[in-house]
């Protein structure tokens, strides 16, 4: 399955959410309402990922995975739990996209004829410049 098909799938049944009180802006409301959202996604138990994708994620995201093999993402930027939940889900899909992206292989190309000639011309100019630096020798 390619990356675009994988990202179109719904991972929400495999998400575990936990809400808690967050710090920051919010006034008196911040002490009463649990707006910080933590998303936990168990990579090794995922049904939607194949083994290669699981291994790639575990390798590339090893600093964000705990000892139980769960990927943990947190959002507390917004003032409501619902907005933080949507932010953390977006973070998850962005992280998945970045981690599973495979860059194209670079094809080596030959320099053009014009660029070769330009290089040779500049080498010739540099050579002439160095020859002219030599002093005139007076042999009798």
Protein backbone atom coordinates (compact mmCIF):
# COMPACT_ATOMS: atom_id res chain seq x y z
CA UNK A 1 0.00 0.00 0.00
CA UNK A 2 1.44 3.38 -0.95
CA UNK A 3 1.63 6.44 1.28
CA UNK A 4 -1.35 8.34 -0.15
CA UNK A 5 -3.66 5.33 0.28
CA UNK A 6 -2.40 4.79 3.81
CA UNK A 7 -3.05 8.40 4.81
CA UNK A 8 -6.63 8.21 3.48
CA UNK A 9 -7.40 5.38 5.89
CA UNK A 10 -9.10 6.09 9.20
CA UNK A 11 -6.76 5.39 12.12
CA UNK A 12 -9.23 6.69 14.73
CA UNK A 13 -10.26 3.22 16.04
CA UNK A 14 -6.60 2.64 16.96
CA UNK A 15 -6.19 5.99 18.77
CA UNK A 16 -6.36 6.30 22.54
CA UNK A 17 -7.00 9.78 23.88
CA UNK A 18 -6.36 11.09 27.36
CA UNK A 19 -7.28 14.58 28.54
CA UNK A 20 -5.67 16.49 31.38
CA UNK A 21 -5.30 20.04 32.65
CA UNK A 22 -2.92 22.15 30.64
CA UNK A 23 -0.93 25.19 31.60
CA UNK A 24 -0.77 28.47 29.77
CA UNK A 25 -3.46 30.95 28.78
CA UNK A 26 -7.04 30.46 29.84
CA UNK A 27 -7.46 32.40 33.07
CA UNK A 28 -9.49 30.75 35.81
CA UNK A 29 -10.83 28.26 33.27
CA UNK A 30 -7.42 26.57 33.03
CA UNK A 31 -7.71 25.27 36.58
CA UNK A 32 -11.12 23.68 36.05
CA UNK A 33 -11.19 22.18 32.57
CA UNK A 34 -9.07 19.41 31.06
CA UNK A 35 -8.09 20.82 27.68
CA UNK A 36 -4.70 19.20 27.07
CA UNK A 37 -5.09 16.14 24.80
CA UNK A 38 -2.64 13.26 24.60
CA UNK A 39 -2.88 10.81 21.69
CA UNK A 40 -1.45 7.32 22.09
CA UNK A 41 -1.02 5.06 19.07
CA UNK A 42 0.41 1.57 19.47
CA UNK A 43 2.50 1.00 16.36
CA UNK A 44 3.22 -2.70 16.89
CA UNK A 45 -0.49 -3.57 17.40
CA UNK A 46 -1.74 -1.55 14.41
CA UNK A 47 -3.85 -3.46 11.90
CA UNK A 48 -3.58 -0.79 9.18
CA UNK A 49 0.24 -0.79 8.94
CA UNK A 50 2.30 -3.56 7.40
CA UNK A 51 5.53 -4.84 8.97
CA UNK A 52 7.82 -2.69 6.83
CA UNK A 53 5.91 0.46 7.75
CA UNK A 54 5.90 -0.50 11.44
CA UNK A 55 9.67 -1.03 11.41
CA UNK A 56 10.24 2.25 9.57
CA UNK A 57 8.09 4.17 12.07
CA UNK A 58 9.77 2.54 15.05
CA UNK A 59 13.19 3.41 13.64
CA UNK A 60 12.48 7.00 12.63
CA UNK A 61 10.28 7.92 15.61
CA UNK A 62 12.17 6.06 18.34
CA UNK A 63 12.49 9.22 20.45
CA UNK A 64 8.71 9.68 20.57
CA UNK A 65 7.84 6.05 21.34
CA UNK A 66 7.66 4.83 24.93
CA UNK A 67 8.73 1.42 26.27
CA UNK A 68 5.31 -0.13 25.48
CA UNK A 69 5.72 0.78 21.80
CA UNK A 70 3.20 3.63 21.87
CA UNK A 71 3.67 6.80 19.88
CA UNK A 72 2.68 9.70 22.14
CA UNK A 73 1.64 13.09 20.78
CA UNK A 74 0.41 16.00 22.90
CA UNK A 75 -1.46 19.19 22.10
CA UNK A 76 -2.29 22.00 24.50
CA UNK A 77 -2.15 25.02 22.20
CA UNK A 78 -5.88 25.58 21.96
CA UNK A 79 -8.32 26.51 24.73
CA UNK A 80 -10.80 23.71 24.07
CA UNK A 81 -10.38 19.96 24.24
CA UNK A 82 -12.08 19.45 20.88
CA UNK A 83 -9.69 21.79 19.04
CA UNK A 84 -6.68 20.21 20.74
CA UNK A 85 -7.96 16.80 19.69
CA UNK A 86 -8.16 17.86 16.04
CA UNK A 87 -4.69 19.47 16.28
CA UNK A 88 -3.14 16.29 17.70
CA UNK A 89 -4.78 14.14 14.99
CA UNK A 90 -3.38 16.48 12.33
CA UNK A 91 0.06 16.20 14.00
CA UNK A 92 -0.24 12.40 13.83
CA UNK A 93 -0.98 12.36 10.08
CA UNK A 94 1.79 14.90 9.36
CA UNK A 95 4.26 12.82 11.38
CA UNK A 96 3.17 9.65 9.56
CA UNK A 97 3.58 11.39 6.19
CA UNK A 98 7.10 12.61 7.04
CA UNK A 99 8.26 9.31 8.52
CA UNK A 100 7.02 7.09 5.69
CA UNK A 101 8.03 9.40 2.82
CA UNK A 102 10.63 7.81 0.54
CA UNK A 103 12.60 10.37 -1.49
CA UNK A 104 13.23 9.77 -5.18
CA UNK A 105 16.60 8.38 -6.18
CA UNK A 106 18.85 10.94 -7.82
CA UNK A 107 19.75 10.21 -11.41
CA UNK A 108 23.30 11.25 -12.27
CA UNK A 109 23.40 13.51 -15.31
CA UNK A 110 26.24 14.39 -17.64
CA UNK A 111 27.36 18.01 -17.99
CA UNK A 112 26.18 19.69 -21.17
CA UNK A 113 28.55 20.41 -24.03
CA UNK A 114 28.26 24.15 -23.40
CA UNK A 115 29.17 23.76 -19.72
CA UNK A 116 32.19 21.62 -20.65
CA UNK A 117 33.38 24.28 -23.13
CA UNK A 118 32.84 27.04 -20.56
CA UNK A 119 34.93 25.11 -18.01
CA UNK A 120 37.75 24.54 -20.53
CA UNK A 121 37.66 28.23 -21.51
CA UNK A 122 37.99 29.35 -17.88
CA UNK A 123 40.85 26.88 -17.36
CA UNK A 124 42.62 28.30 -20.43
CA UNK A 125 42.19 31.87 -19.16
CA UNK A 126 43.58 30.87 -15.73
CA UNK A 127 46.52 29.13 -17.44
CA UNK A 128 47.34 32.20 -19.54
CA UNK A 129 47.11 34.40 -16.45
CA UNK A 130 49.64 32.19 -14.65
CA UNK A 131 51.99 32.14 -17.67
CA UNK A 132 51.92 35.95 -17.76
CA UNK A 133 52.93 36.08 -14.10
CA UNK A 134 56.28 34.55 -14.92
CA UNK A 135 59.00 37.09 -15.20
CA UNK A 136 60.83 37.79 -18.44
CA UNK A 137 64.09 35.90 -18.52
CA UNK A 138 67.10 37.52 -20.23
CA UNK A 139 69.32 34.79 -21.59
CA UNK A 140 72.49 36.07 -23.18
